[in-house]
Amino acid sequence: MSNFFESESFVFPAQVRQDVASRLEKTKKIKSLEFYLKGEALEGAKNFSDALFILKQRGAKISHEVVIKLSFPKHISREGVLALVENMPKARNGSLKVRVEID
């Protein structure tokens, strides 16, 4: 039977690490991790990606779900929306979804 816990939300990765470290017993074996990322940008994404690649080479199964929210200060045109949707990256072993908010 698996047990779960969730860290608090923090601004800096070091704070998350400290919270997880304080809750995780040294003798426990970690079965899985999930990362929830929110914000305007992913600083250090390259380093994180490199770390995930190494884990994948070691046999870890990695799945992801990313949410990017665009809030426009002024309305965007229909053509602008369609251009953005058209240029979305393809998701390998995943899915894409668009939600449009109409004023």
Protein backbone atom coordinates (compact mmCIF):
# COMPACT_ATOMS: atom_id res chain seq x y z
CA MET A 1 0.00 0.00 0.00
CA SER A 2 1.40 3.37 -1.00
CA ASN A 3 1.30 6.50 1.13
CA PHE A 4 1.38 9.98 -0.25
CA PHE A 5 2.18 13.46 0.92
CA GLU A 6 2.28 16.78 -0.76
CA SER A 7 4.70 19.57 -0.07
CA GLU A 8 3.50 23.08 0.52
CA SER A 9 3.69 25.56 -2.34
CA PHE A 10 6.88 27.58 -2.47
CA VAL A 11 8.65 30.04 -4.74
CA PHE A 12 12.09 28.45 -4.72
CA PRO A 13 13.09 24.82 -5.38
CA ALA A 14 15.33 24.85 -2.30
CA GLN A 15 12.27 25.53 -0.14
CA VAL A 16 10.40 22.59 -1.66
CA ARG A 17 13.44 20.38 -1.16
CA GLN A 18 13.64 21.37 2.50
CA ASP A 19 9.94 20.63 3.04
CA VAL A 20 10.15 17.23 1.35
CA ALA A 21 13.35 16.35 3.18
CA SER A 22 11.74 17.12 6.52
CA ARG A 23 8.81 14.81 5.78
CA LEU A 24 10.62 11.94 4.11
CA GLU A 25 12.22 9.31 6.30
CA LYS A 26 15.67 8.20 5.16
CA THR A 27 14.63 4.54 5.14
CA LYS A 28 11.65 5.01 2.84
CA LYS A 29 11.80 3.96 -0.80
CA ILE A 30 10.36 6.47 -3.24
CA LYS A 31 7.96 4.95 -5.76
CA SER A 32 7.02 8.04 -7.75
CA LEU A 33 7.23 11.82 -7.87
CA GLU A 34 4.91 14.38 -9.39
CA PHE A 35 5.87 17.98 -10.07
CA TYR A 36 3.30 20.76 -10.28
CA LEU A 37 4.63 23.90 -11.93
CA LYS A 38 2.79 27.20 -12.12
CA GLY A 39 4.01 30.60 -13.23
CA GLU A 40 4.95 32.78 -16.15
CA ALA A 41 8.17 30.97 -17.08
CA LEU A 42 10.21 27.91 -16.23
CA GLU A 43 13.60 29.09 -15.12
CA GLY A 44 16.18 26.33 -15.18
CA ALA A 45 14.02 24.17 -17.44
CA LYS A 46 17.08 22.92 -19.35
CA ASN A 47 18.74 21.58 -16.20
CA PHE A 48 15.49 19.96 -15.08
CA SER A 49 15.06 18.39 -18.52
CA ASP A 50 18.60 17.01 -18.42
CA ALA A 51 17.95 15.44 -15.01
CA LEU A 52 14.73 13.83 -16.29
CA PHE A 53 16.55 12.47 -19.35
CA ILE A 54 19.12 10.76 -17.12
CA LEU A 55 16.32 9.20 -15.05
CA LYS A 56 14.59 8.03 -18.22
CA GLN A 57 17.80 6.34 -19.36
CA ARG A 58 17.80 4.50 -16.03
CA GLY A 59 14.30 3.19 -16.71
CA ALA A 60 12.09 5.73 -14.96
CA LYS A 61 8.71 6.23 -16.60
CA ILE A 62 8.05 9.93 -17.09
CA SER A 63 4.71 11.47 -17.96
CA HIS A 64 3.74 15.11 -17.91
CA GLU A 65 0.94 17.60 -18.00
CA VAL A 66 1.73 21.25 -18.54
CA VAL A 67 -0.74 24.12 -18.38
CA ILE A 68 0.15 27.40 -20.02
CA LYS A 69 -2.33 30.20 -19.48
CA LEU A 70 -2.21 33.27 -21.69
CA SER A 71 -4.01 36.36 -20.39
CA PHE A 72 -4.18 39.18 -22.88
CA PRO A 73 -4.34 42.81 -21.69
CA LYS A 74 -6.52 43.53 -24.73
CA HIS A 75 -8.59 41.14 -26.77
CA ILE A 76 -6.85 38.96 -29.33
CA SER A 77 -8.34 38.44 -32.77
CA ARG A 78 -9.83 35.20 -33.99
CA GLU A 79 -6.95 34.92 -36.48
CA GLY A 80 -4.46 35.43 -33.67
CA VAL A 81 -6.05 32.64 -31.65
CA LEU A 82 -6.07 30.29 -34.63
CA ALA A 83 -2.43 31.05 -35.38
CA LEU A 84 -1.47 30.22 -31.78
CA VAL A 85 -3.46 26.98 -31.85
CA GLU A 86 -1.96 26.01 -35.19
CA ASN A 87 1.56 26.47 -33.86
CA MET A 88 1.09 24.43 -30.69
CA PRO A 89 3.70 21.70 -30.31
CA LYS A 90 2.62 18.12 -30.82
CA ALA A 91 2.41 16.05 -27.67
CA ARG A 92 4.11 12.69 -27.81
CA ASN A 93 2.24 10.15 -25.70
CA GLY A 94 0.03 12.90 -24.35
CA SER A 95 -2.75 15.24 -25.33
CA LEU A 96 -3.43 18.86 -26.19
CA LYS A 97 -6.47 20.89 -25.28
CA VAL A 98 -7.51 24.48 -25.83
CA ARG A 99 -9.99 26.43 -23.75
CA VAL A 100 -11.11 29.72 -25.14
CA GLU A 101 -12.64 32.40 -22.93
CA ILE A 102 -15.00 34.71 -24.77
CA ASP A 103 -15.87 38.17 -23.45
